[in-house]
C-alpha cells in the first residue's frame, strides 16, 4: 500500500488542491460579501455552506450583546460597506440586518437556482437575504 503525499520513485500520489483553511477563508469572504451586497452568485454546494454560516451570523446579530459582536467580528471580514459613512460589514450586520429579522425564527437566507455556468456546466445559485 502506497503512502499518500510522499515523494519517491512514483512521485506524489495524492495532493489535495483545496485545504480546510482555504475553505474557511472562502466562507468568510462570501459571508462578508453577502452582508455587503445582500446577494451573491455561487455554485450549489458552496451555497449550502454559505447559508449555514450567514444564518449563524444573523443569529449572533439578533442577540446583539457584546459577546455576540466579538464572535461575529472574528468571522466577518473588516470591509467597508459605505466608505463615505465609514460603515463596516459588521456594523451593517448588527445595525440593519439583525433588527430586520428580530421576529423571525430562522431561515434568513434563500438560494435560488440559476442556469449552469458556461465554462464547466456547474450548477449555480443566487444566495440572498429573505425580505
N, C-alpha and C. Protein backbone atom coordinates (compact mmCIF):
# COMPACT_ATOMS: atom_id res chain seq x y z
N UNK A 1 0.84 -1.17 0.00
CA UNK A 1 0.00 0.00 0.00
C UNK A 1 0.89 1.24 0.00
N UNK A 2 0.62 2.13 -0.92
CA UNK A 2 1.44 3.33 -1.07
C UNK A 2 1.04 4.39 -0.05
N UNK A 3 2.03 5.09 0.44
CA UNK A 3 1.76 6.19 1.35
C UNK A 3 1.35 7.40 0.54
N UNK A 4 0.48 8.21 1.07
CA UNK A 4 -0.02 9.35 0.32
C UNK A 4 0.79 10.60 0.66
N UNK A 5 0.83 11.52 -0.28
CA UNK A 5 1.54 12.78 -0.14
C UNK A 5 3.03 12.60 0.11
N UNK A 6 3.58 11.49 -0.33
CA UNK A 6 5.00 11.23 -0.12
C UNK A 6 5.71 11.25 -1.47
N UNK A 7 6.85 11.90 -1.53
CA UNK A 7 7.67 11.89 -2.73
C UNK A 7 8.49 10.59 -2.74
N UNK A 8 8.80 10.14 -3.90
CA UNK A 8 9.59 8.92 -4.02
C UNK A 8 9.74 8.55 -5.47
N UNK A 9 9.90 7.25 -5.73
CA UNK A 9 10.07 6.79 -7.11
C UNK A 9 8.84 7.09 -7.97
N UNK A 10 7.68 7.05 -7.35
CA UNK A 10 6.45 7.21 -8.11
C UNK A 10 5.96 8.66 -8.11
N UNK A 11 6.64 9.56 -7.44
CA UNK A 11 6.18 10.94 -7.37
C UNK A 11 5.13 11.11 -6.29
N UNK A 12 4.41 12.19 -6.37
CA UNK A 12 3.37 12.46 -5.38
C UNK A 12 2.13 11.69 -5.76
N UNK A 13 1.65 10.84 -4.86
CA UNK A 13 0.48 10.03 -5.14
C UNK A 13 -0.79 10.86 -5.08
N UNK A 14 -0.89 11.71 -4.08
CA UNK A 14 -2.10 12.48 -3.90
C UNK A 14 -1.74 13.81 -3.28
N UNK A 15 -2.28 14.88 -3.83
CA UNK A 15 -2.08 16.19 -3.23
C UNK A 15 -3.36 16.97 -3.41
N UNK A 16 -4.04 17.26 -2.33
CA UNK A 16 -5.30 18.00 -2.40
C UNK A 16 -5.00 19.45 -2.74
N UNK A 17 -5.75 20.01 -3.66
CA UNK A 17 -5.54 21.39 -4.04
C UNK A 17 -6.33 22.36 -3.17
N UNK A 18 -7.27 21.87 -2.39
CA UNK A 18 -8.14 22.73 -1.62
C UNK A 18 -8.11 22.28 -0.17
N UNK A 19 -7.54 23.08 0.70
CA UNK A 19 -7.40 22.70 2.10
C UNK A 19 -8.56 23.26 2.92
N UNK A 20 -8.65 22.84 4.15
CA UNK A 20 -9.72 23.29 5.03
C UNK A 20 -9.58 24.78 5.33
N UNK A 21 -8.35 25.28 5.43
CA UNK A 21 -8.17 26.70 5.71
C UNK A 21 -8.63 27.55 4.53
N UNK A 22 -8.43 27.07 3.31
CA UNK A 22 -8.91 27.79 2.14
C UNK A 22 -10.44 27.79 2.10
N UNK A 23 -11.04 26.69 2.49
CA UNK A 23 -12.50 26.59 2.55
C UNK A 23 -13.06 27.59 3.56
N UNK A 24 -12.43 27.66 4.74
CA UNK A 24 -12.90 28.56 5.78
C UNK A 24 -12.76 30.01 5.34
N UNK A 25 -11.63 30.35 4.71
CA UNK A 25 -11.42 31.71 4.24
C UNK A 25 -12.41 32.09 3.14
N UNK A 26 -12.74 31.14 2.26
CA UNK A 26 -13.71 31.41 1.22
C UNK A 26 -15.08 31.69 1.84
N UNK A 27 -15.47 30.92 2.86
CA UNK A 27 -16.75 31.15 3.51
C UNK A 27 -16.79 32.50 4.22
N UNK A 28 -15.68 32.88 4.83
CA UNK A 28 -15.61 34.19 5.49
C UNK A 28 -15.76 35.31 4.47
N UNK A 29 -15.08 35.18 3.32
CA UNK A 29 -15.18 36.20 2.28
C UNK A 29 -16.59 36.29 1.72
N UNK A 30 -17.19 35.13 1.44
CA UNK A 30 -18.53 35.12 0.85
C UNK A 30 -19.58 35.63 1.83
N UNK A 31 -19.44 35.30 3.10
CA UNK A 31 -20.38 35.80 4.10
C UNK A 31 -20.29 37.32 4.21
N UNK A 32 -19.08 37.85 4.17
CA UNK A 32 -18.89 39.29 4.23
C UNK A 32 -19.46 39.97 2.99
N UNK A 33 -19.27 39.35 1.82
CA UNK A 33 -19.82 39.91 0.59
C UNK A 33 -21.35 39.85 0.58
N UNK A 34 -21.91 38.80 1.15
CA UNK A 34 -23.37 38.69 1.25
C UNK A 34 -23.93 39.78 2.16
N UNK A 35 -23.24 40.07 3.25
CA UNK A 35 -23.67 41.15 4.14
C UNK A 35 -23.55 42.49 3.42
N UNK A 36 -22.50 42.67 2.65
CA UNK A 36 -22.26 43.94 1.98
C UNK A 36 -23.27 44.20 0.86
N UNK A 37 -23.47 43.21 -0.01
CA UNK A 37 -24.29 43.42 -1.20
C UNK A 37 -25.72 42.89 -1.08
N UNK A 38 -25.96 41.97 -0.15
CA UNK A 38 -27.29 41.42 0.00
C UNK A 38 -27.56 40.18 -0.83
N UNK A 39 -26.72 39.92 -1.84
CA UNK A 39 -26.85 38.72 -2.68
C UNK A 39 -25.50 38.38 -3.29
N UNK A 40 -25.28 37.06 -3.47
CA UNK A 40 -24.04 36.56 -4.03
C UNK A 40 -24.37 35.38 -4.94
N UNK A 41 -23.70 35.30 -6.08
CA UNK A 41 -23.90 34.18 -7.01
C UNK A 41 -22.75 33.19 -6.85
N UNK A 42 -23.09 31.95 -6.44
CA UNK A 42 -22.10 30.91 -6.19
C UNK A 42 -22.63 29.58 -6.72
N UNK A 43 -21.80 28.52 -6.63
CA UNK A 43 -22.25 27.20 -7.03
C UNK A 43 -23.18 26.62 -5.96
N UNK A 44 -23.89 25.54 -6.32
CA UNK A 44 -24.88 24.97 -5.40
C UNK A 44 -24.26 24.46 -4.11
N UNK A 45 -23.13 23.79 -4.19
CA UNK A 45 -22.52 23.21 -3.00
C UNK A 45 -21.99 24.30 -2.07
N UNK A 46 -21.44 25.36 -2.65
CA UNK A 46 -20.97 26.47 -1.84
C UNK A 46 -22.16 27.20 -1.23
N UNK A 47 -23.28 27.27 -1.95
CA UNK A 47 -24.47 27.95 -1.45
C UNK A 47 -25.00 27.29 -0.19
N UNK A 48 -24.94 25.98 -0.12
CA UNK A 48 -25.43 25.28 1.07
C UNK A 48 -24.60 25.65 2.30
N UNK A 49 -23.28 25.72 2.15
CA UNK A 49 -22.42 26.10 3.27
C UNK A 49 -22.58 27.58 3.61
N UNK A 50 -22.76 28.40 2.58
CA UNK A 50 -22.89 29.84 2.79
C UNK A 50 -24.16 30.17 3.56
N UNK A 51 -25.25 29.47 3.28
CA UNK A 51 -26.49 29.70 4.00
C UNK A 51 -26.32 29.41 5.49
N UNK A 52 -25.60 28.35 5.81
CA UNK A 52 -25.39 27.98 7.22
C UNK A 52 -24.58 29.06 7.94
N UNK A 53 -23.48 29.50 7.33
CA UNK A 53 -22.63 30.49 8.00
C UNK A 53 -23.32 31.85 8.09
N UNK A 54 -24.06 32.24 7.05
CA UNK A 54 -24.76 33.53 7.09
C UNK A 54 -25.87 33.51 8.13
N UNK A 55 -26.59 32.40 8.24
CA UNK A 55 -27.64 32.31 9.25
C UNK A 55 -27.07 32.37 10.67
N UNK A 56 -25.89 31.81 10.86
CA UNK A 56 -25.25 31.90 12.18
C UNK A 56 -24.89 33.34 12.51
N UNK A 57 -24.42 34.08 11.51
CA UNK A 57 -24.06 35.49 11.75
C UNK A 57 -25.30 36.33 12.06
N UNK A 58 -26.42 36.05 11.39
CA UNK A 58 -27.65 36.80 11.66
C UNK A 58 -28.17 36.45 13.05
N UNK A 59 -28.03 35.21 13.46
CA UNK A 59 -28.44 34.82 14.81
C UNK A 59 -27.62 35.56 15.86
N UNK A 60 -26.32 35.69 15.62
CA UNK A 60 -25.49 36.47 16.54
C UNK A 60 -25.92 37.93 16.55
N UNK A 61 -26.26 38.47 15.37
CA UNK A 61 -26.67 39.87 15.29
C UNK A 61 -28.00 40.10 15.99
N UNK A 62 -28.87 39.11 15.99
CA UNK A 62 -30.15 39.24 16.68
C UNK A 62 -29.96 39.34 18.19
N UNK A 63 -28.97 38.60 18.72
CA UNK A 63 -28.70 38.69 20.16
C UNK A 63 -28.22 40.09 20.51
N UNK A 64 -27.24 40.57 19.74
CA UNK A 64 -26.82 41.96 19.87
C UNK A 64 -25.95 42.30 21.06
N UNK A 65 -25.57 41.34 21.91
CA UNK A 65 -24.74 41.67 23.05
C UNK A 65 -23.27 41.73 22.64
N UNK A 66 -22.43 42.10 23.58
CA UNK A 66 -21.01 42.30 23.29
C UNK A 66 -20.32 41.01 22.90
N UNK A 67 -20.65 39.91 23.55
CA UNK A 67 -20.03 38.64 23.22
C UNK A 67 -20.38 38.21 21.80
N UNK A 68 -21.63 38.40 21.41
CA UNK A 68 -22.04 38.05 20.05
C UNK A 68 -21.33 38.91 19.02
N UNK A 69 -21.15 40.17 19.33
CA UNK A 69 -20.44 41.07 18.42
C UNK A 69 -18.99 40.65 18.26
N UNK A 70 -18.38 40.22 19.34
CA UNK A 70 -16.98 39.78 19.26
C UNK A 70 -16.84 38.47 18.49
N UNK A 71 -17.79 37.56 18.68
CA UNK A 71 -17.76 36.30 17.93
C UNK A 71 -17.96 36.55 16.44
N UNK A 72 -18.86 37.46 16.09
CA UNK A 72 -19.09 37.79 14.69
C UNK A 72 -17.89 38.53 14.10
N UNK A 73 -17.23 39.36 14.90
CA UNK A 73 -16.06 40.09 14.42
C UNK A 73 -14.91 39.16 14.11
N UNK A 74 -14.87 38.01 14.76
CA UNK A 74 -13.83 37.02 14.44
C UNK A 74 -14.05 36.40 13.08
N UNK A 75 -15.29 36.39 12.61
CA UNK A 75 -15.63 35.69 11.37
C UNK A 75 -15.80 36.64 10.19
N UNK A 76 -16.49 37.74 10.38
CA UNK A 76 -16.80 38.67 9.29
C UNK A 76 -15.56 39.50 8.98
N UNK A 77 -15.27 39.67 7.69
CA UNK A 77 -14.12 40.47 7.27
C UNK A 77 -14.35 41.95 7.56
N UNK A 78 -13.27 42.66 7.79
CA UNK A 78 -13.34 44.08 8.10
C UNK A 78 -13.31 44.88 6.80
N UNK A 79 -14.45 44.89 6.09
CA UNK A 79 -14.55 45.61 4.82
C UNK A 79 -15.59 46.73 4.97
N UNK A 80 -15.38 47.79 4.20
CA UNK A 80 -16.31 48.91 4.23
C UNK A 80 -17.50 48.63 3.34
N UNK A 81 -18.69 48.88 3.86
CA UNK A 81 -19.91 48.78 3.09
C UNK A 81 -20.17 50.12 2.41
N UNK A 82 -19.97 51.19 3.17
CA UNK A 82 -20.14 52.55 2.66
C UNK A 82 -18.93 53.37 3.11
N UNK A 83 -18.07 53.75 2.16
CA UNK A 83 -16.84 54.45 2.53
C UNK A 83 -17.09 55.88 2.99
N UNK A 84 -18.15 56.54 2.47
CA UNK A 84 -18.42 57.91 2.90
C UNK A 84 -18.83 57.95 4.37
N UNK A 85 -19.67 57.01 4.76
CA UNK A 85 -20.12 56.96 6.15
C UNK A 85 -19.21 56.10 7.02
N UNK A 86 -18.24 55.44 6.41
CA UNK A 86 -17.29 54.56 7.12
C UNK A 86 -18.02 53.47 7.90
N UNK A 87 -18.98 52.82 7.23
CA UNK A 87 -19.73 51.73 7.82
C UNK A 87 -19.10 50.41 7.40
N UNK A 88 -18.81 49.54 8.35
CA UNK A 88 -18.23 48.24 8.04
C UNK A 88 -19.32 47.19 7.91
N UNK A 89 -18.92 46.02 7.43
CA UNK A 89 -19.88 44.92 7.27
C UNK A 89 -20.42 44.47 8.63
N UNK A 90 -19.58 44.51 9.65
CA UNK A 90 -20.03 44.11 10.99
C UNK A 90 -21.07 45.09 11.52
N UNK A 91 -20.87 46.39 11.29
CA UNK A 91 -21.85 47.37 11.74
C UNK A 91 -23.16 47.23 10.98
N UNK A 92 -23.09 46.94 9.69
CA UNK A 92 -24.31 46.74 8.92
C UNK A 92 -25.05 45.49 9.42
N UNK A 93 -24.30 44.44 9.75
CA UNK A 93 -24.91 43.21 10.25
C UNK A 93 -25.67 43.47 11.54
N UNK A 94 -25.07 44.21 12.47
CA UNK A 94 -25.70 44.41 13.78
C UNK A 94 -26.71 45.56 13.79
N UNK A 95 -26.54 46.57 12.93
CA UNK A 95 -27.43 47.72 12.96
C UNK A 95 -28.63 47.58 12.02
N UNK A 96 -28.47 46.87 10.89
CA UNK A 96 -29.55 46.77 9.90
C UNK A 96 -30.12 45.36 9.78
N UNK A 97 -29.25 44.38 9.57
CA UNK A 97 -29.73 43.03 9.26
C UNK A 97 -30.29 42.34 10.50
N UNK A 98 -29.62 42.45 11.64
CA UNK A 98 -30.10 41.81 12.86
C UNK A 98 -31.48 42.28 13.29
N UNK A 99 -31.72 43.60 13.39
CA UNK A 99 -33.06 44.07 13.77
C UNK A 99 -34.14 43.74 12.74
N UNK A 100 -33.76 43.60 11.46
CA UNK A 100 -34.75 43.28 10.42
C UNK A 100 -35.37 41.91 10.67
N UNK A 101 -34.60 40.97 11.23
CA UNK A 101 -35.09 39.61 11.45
C UNK A 101 -35.35 39.33 12.92
N UNK A 102 -35.69 40.34 13.70
CA UNK A 102 -35.90 40.16 15.15
C UNK A 102 -37.07 39.23 15.44
N UNK A 103 -38.11 39.25 14.62
CA UNK A 103 -39.29 38.43 14.85
C UNK A 103 -39.21 37.07 14.16
N UNK A 104 -38.24 36.87 13.31
CA UNK A 104 -38.14 35.64 12.52
C UNK A 104 -37.34 34.59 13.28
N UNK A 105 -37.74 33.34 13.20
CA UNK A 105 -37.11 32.26 13.96
C UNK A 105 -36.15 31.41 13.13
N UNK A 106 -35.59 31.94 12.10
CA UNK A 106 -34.64 31.19 11.28
C UNK A 106 -34.97 31.34 9.81
N UNK A 107 -34.12 30.80 8.97
CA UNK A 107 -34.34 30.87 7.53
C UNK A 107 -34.18 32.28 7.00
N UNK A 108 -33.03 32.88 7.28
CA UNK A 108 -32.80 34.26 6.89
C UNK A 108 -32.31 34.39 5.45
N UNK A 109 -31.82 33.31 4.88
CA UNK A 109 -31.28 33.35 3.52
C UNK A 109 -32.00 32.32 2.65
N UNK A 110 -31.94 32.54 1.34
CA UNK A 110 -32.50 31.57 0.40
C UNK A 110 -31.55 31.45 -0.77
N UNK A 111 -31.61 30.27 -1.42
CA UNK A 111 -30.79 30.00 -2.59
C UNK A 111 -31.72 29.75 -3.77
N UNK A 112 -31.61 30.58 -4.79
CA UNK A 112 -32.42 30.45 -6.00
C UNK A 112 -31.54 29.84 -7.08
N UNK A 113 -32.00 28.74 -7.68
CA UNK A 113 -31.21 28.08 -8.71
C UNK A 113 -31.21 28.89 -9.99
N UNK A 114 -30.04 28.98 -10.60
CA UNK A 114 -29.86 29.70 -11.86
C UNK A 114 -29.43 28.71 -12.94
N UNK A 115 -29.15 29.23 -14.13
CA UNK A 115 -28.66 28.36 -15.20
C UNK A 115 -27.24 27.93 -14.88
N UNK A 116 -26.80 26.84 -15.50
CA UNK A 116 -25.47 26.33 -15.26
C UNK A 116 -24.41 27.28 -15.80
N UNK A 117 -23.24 27.25 -15.17
CA UNK A 117 -22.13 28.10 -15.59
C UNK A 117 -21.62 27.66 -16.95
N UNK A 118 -21.25 28.62 -17.77
CA UNK A 118 -20.91 28.33 -19.16
C UNK A 118 -19.61 27.53 -19.30
N UNK A 119 -18.61 27.81 -18.50
CA UNK A 119 -17.31 27.18 -18.67
C UNK A 119 -17.28 25.71 -18.34
N UNK A 120 -17.79 25.34 -17.17
CA UNK A 120 -17.70 23.95 -16.72
C UNK A 120 -19.06 23.32 -16.44
N UNK A 121 -20.15 23.99 -16.80
CA UNK A 121 -21.50 23.47 -16.65
C UNK A 121 -21.85 23.18 -15.18
N UNK A 122 -21.29 23.98 -14.28
CA UNK A 122 -21.54 23.81 -12.87
C UNK A 122 -22.87 24.47 -12.49
N UNK A 123 -23.71 23.80 -11.69
CA UNK A 123 -24.99 24.40 -11.30
C UNK A 123 -24.77 25.60 -10.38
N UNK A 124 -25.40 26.72 -10.70
CA UNK A 124 -25.20 27.97 -9.97
C UNK A 124 -26.45 28.33 -9.17
N UNK A 125 -26.25 29.11 -8.11
CA UNK A 125 -27.33 29.58 -7.25
C UNK A 125 -27.10 31.05 -6.91
N UNK A 126 -28.18 31.72 -6.65
CA UNK A 126 -28.13 33.09 -6.14
C UNK A 126 -28.56 33.04 -4.68
N UNK A 127 -27.64 33.36 -3.78
CA UNK A 127 -27.93 33.36 -2.34
C UNK A 127 -28.23 34.80 -1.93
N UNK A 128 -29.39 35.01 -1.28
CA UNK A 128 -29.76 36.35 -0.87
C UNK A 128 -30.53 36.29 0.45
N UNK A 129 -30.61 37.44 1.10
CA UNK A 129 -31.38 37.53 2.34
C UNK A 129 -32.87 37.57 2.00
N UNK A 130 -33.68 36.94 2.84
CA UNK A 130 -35.13 36.92 2.67
C UNK A 130 -35.66 38.27 3.15
N UNK A 131 -36.67 38.76 2.45
CA UNK A 131 -37.28 40.06 2.83
C UNK A 131 -38.20 39.90 4.00
